[in-house]
Protein backbone atom coordinates (compact mmCIF):
# COMPACT_ATOMS: atom_id res chain seq x y z
CA MET A 1 -103.24 -2.92 0.17
CA LYS A 2 -106.44 -3.07 -1.85
CA ILE A 3 -109.69 -2.32 -0.13
CA THR A 4 -112.70 -4.12 -1.48
CA GLY A 5 -115.80 -2.23 -2.52
CA ARG A 6 -117.74 -3.46 0.48
CA LYS A 7 -115.10 -2.21 2.91
CA ARG A 8 -115.06 1.18 1.20
CA ARG A 9 -118.84 1.41 1.46
CA HIS A 10 -118.67 0.36 5.11
CA GLN A 11 -116.19 3.15 5.86
CA ARG A 12 -118.52 5.70 4.25
CA ILE A 13 -121.46 4.38 6.27
CA LYS A 14 -119.52 4.41 9.56
CA LYS A 15 -118.69 8.10 9.11
CA GLN A 16 -122.37 8.94 9.54
CA LEU A 17 -123.46 6.20 11.97
CA VAL A 18 -122.28 6.56 15.53
CA GLY A 19 -123.32 4.16 18.24
CA THR A 20 -123.79 5.66 21.69
CA THR A 21 -124.59 4.09 25.04
CA THR A 22 -128.29 4.83 24.69
CA ARG A 23 -128.44 4.08 20.93
CA PRO A 24 -125.73 1.55 20.00
CA ARG A 25 -124.84 0.53 16.45
CA LEU A 26 -126.22 -2.84 15.31
CA CYS A 27 -123.54 -4.10 12.93
CA VAL A 28 -124.23 -7.11 10.70
CA PHE A 29 -121.57 -9.26 9.05
CA ARG A 30 -122.36 -12.15 6.77
CA SER A 31 -120.04 -14.81 5.46
CA ASN A 32 -120.94 -17.51 2.99
CA ARG A 33 -122.16 -19.80 5.78
CA HIS A 34 -122.90 -17.68 8.84
CA VAL A 35 -124.40 -14.42 10.05
CA TYR A 36 -122.96 -12.33 12.87
CA ALA A 37 -124.61 -9.37 14.64
CA GLN A 38 -123.22 -7.19 17.39
CA LEU A 39 -124.16 -4.06 19.29
CA ILE A 40 -121.33 -1.52 19.46
CA ASP A 41 -120.89 1.60 21.60
CA ASP A 42 -118.57 3.78 19.49
CA THR A 43 -118.14 6.46 22.16
CA LYS A 44 -116.42 3.96 24.47
CA GLY A 45 -115.07 1.79 21.66
CA LYS A 46 -116.68 -1.35 23.09
CA VAL A 47 -118.76 -4.19 21.77
CA LEU A 48 -121.68 -4.51 24.17
CA PHE A 49 -122.57 -8.02 23.03
CA GLY A 50 -122.79 -10.09 19.89
CA ILE A 51 -124.46 -13.20 18.56
CA SER A 52 -123.78 -15.46 15.61
CA SER A 53 -125.11 -18.49 13.85
CA VAL A 54 -121.83 -20.36 14.45
CA VAL A 55 -122.54 -21.34 18.05
CA SER A 56 -126.28 -21.87 17.67
CA GLN A 57 -126.64 -25.60 17.08
CA ASP A 58 -130.44 -25.44 16.88
CA LEU A 59 -130.27 -23.34 13.69
CA LYS A 60 -128.28 -25.85 11.60
CA THR A 61 -131.31 -27.30 9.81
CA LYS A 62 -132.84 -24.00 8.70
CA LYS A 63 -132.21 -21.97 5.55
CA LYS A 64 -129.84 -18.99 5.59
CA VAL A 65 -132.53 -16.29 5.56
CA GLU A 66 -134.46 -18.06 8.34
CA ILE A 67 -131.27 -18.26 10.39
CA ALA A 68 -130.65 -14.53 9.86
CA THR A 69 -134.19 -13.70 11.00
CA GLU A 70 -133.70 -15.79 14.14
CA ILE A 71 -130.35 -14.06 14.86
CA GLY A 72 -132.13 -10.70 14.57
CA LYS A 73 -134.87 -11.83 16.97
CA ARG A 74 -132.32 -13.11 19.48
CA ILE A 75 -130.17 -9.98 19.46
CA GLY A 76 -133.30 -7.86 19.75
CA LYS A 77 -134.50 -9.89 22.73
CA ILE A 78 -131.14 -9.56 24.50
CA ALA A 79 -131.03 -5.82 23.80
CA ILE A 80 -134.53 -5.29 25.20
CA GLU A 81 -133.56 -7.25 28.33
CA LYS A 82 -130.53 -4.96 28.79
CA GLY A 83 -132.70 -1.84 28.43
CA ILE A 84 -131.76 -0.91 24.86
CA LYS A 85 -134.83 0.04 22.84
CA GLU A 86 -133.33 1.90 19.87
CA VAL A 87 -130.32 1.13 17.67
CA ALA A 88 -128.56 2.52 14.61
CA PHE A 89 -128.53 -0.19 11.92
CA ASP A 90 -125.17 -0.67 10.20
CA ARG A 91 -125.43 -2.90 7.14
CA ALA A 92 -121.60 -2.92 6.83
CA GLY A 93 -121.51 -2.12 3.13
CA TYR A 94 -123.87 -4.92 2.12
CA LYS A 95 -127.06 -4.30 0.18
CA TYR A 96 -130.18 -4.10 2.32
CA HIS A 97 -131.38 -7.37 0.88
CA GLY A 98 -131.61 -11.04 1.79
CA ARG A 99 -129.90 -12.01 5.04
CA VAL A 100 -129.04 -8.43 6.06
CA LYS A 101 -132.67 -7.41 5.65
CA ALA A 102 -133.77 -10.55 7.52
CA VAL A 103 -131.61 -9.61 10.55
CA ALA A 104 -133.16 -6.13 10.58
CA GLU A 105 -136.70 -7.47 10.33
CA GLY A 106 -136.05 -10.02 13.08
CA ALA A 107 -134.72 -7.28 15.37
CA ARG A 108 -137.81 -5.16 14.64
CA GLU A 109 -140.07 -8.12 15.46
CA ALA A 110 -138.29 -8.43 18.81
CA GLY A 111 -139.13 -4.79 19.57
CA LEU A 112 -136.04 -2.79 18.56
CA LYS A 113 -136.53 0.54 16.81
CA PHE A 114 -134.15 1.84 14.13
């Protein structure tokens, strides 16, 4: 089975990034239409919570980068409410550019530290 370049890069990144209970991994996935973000505790092997642009009906009229920024703000707000102040940012093999960067900046605006 062929592994795409992005998946190979993601495997290399995940070797060095480890999400813990106090500092979970903020993983971003982007498809052509939507953006997904989730906080993962790798020590327990659990997804703490996630958010995506699929279920958010109020974001339909915005542009993709604006949607990604809003997703970052929302996941940051939820994390702060749950007592998580610091995360390890996992760009999942994507370039730190465009929507991936927008999610990171939105999470920083909400108060998360990387």
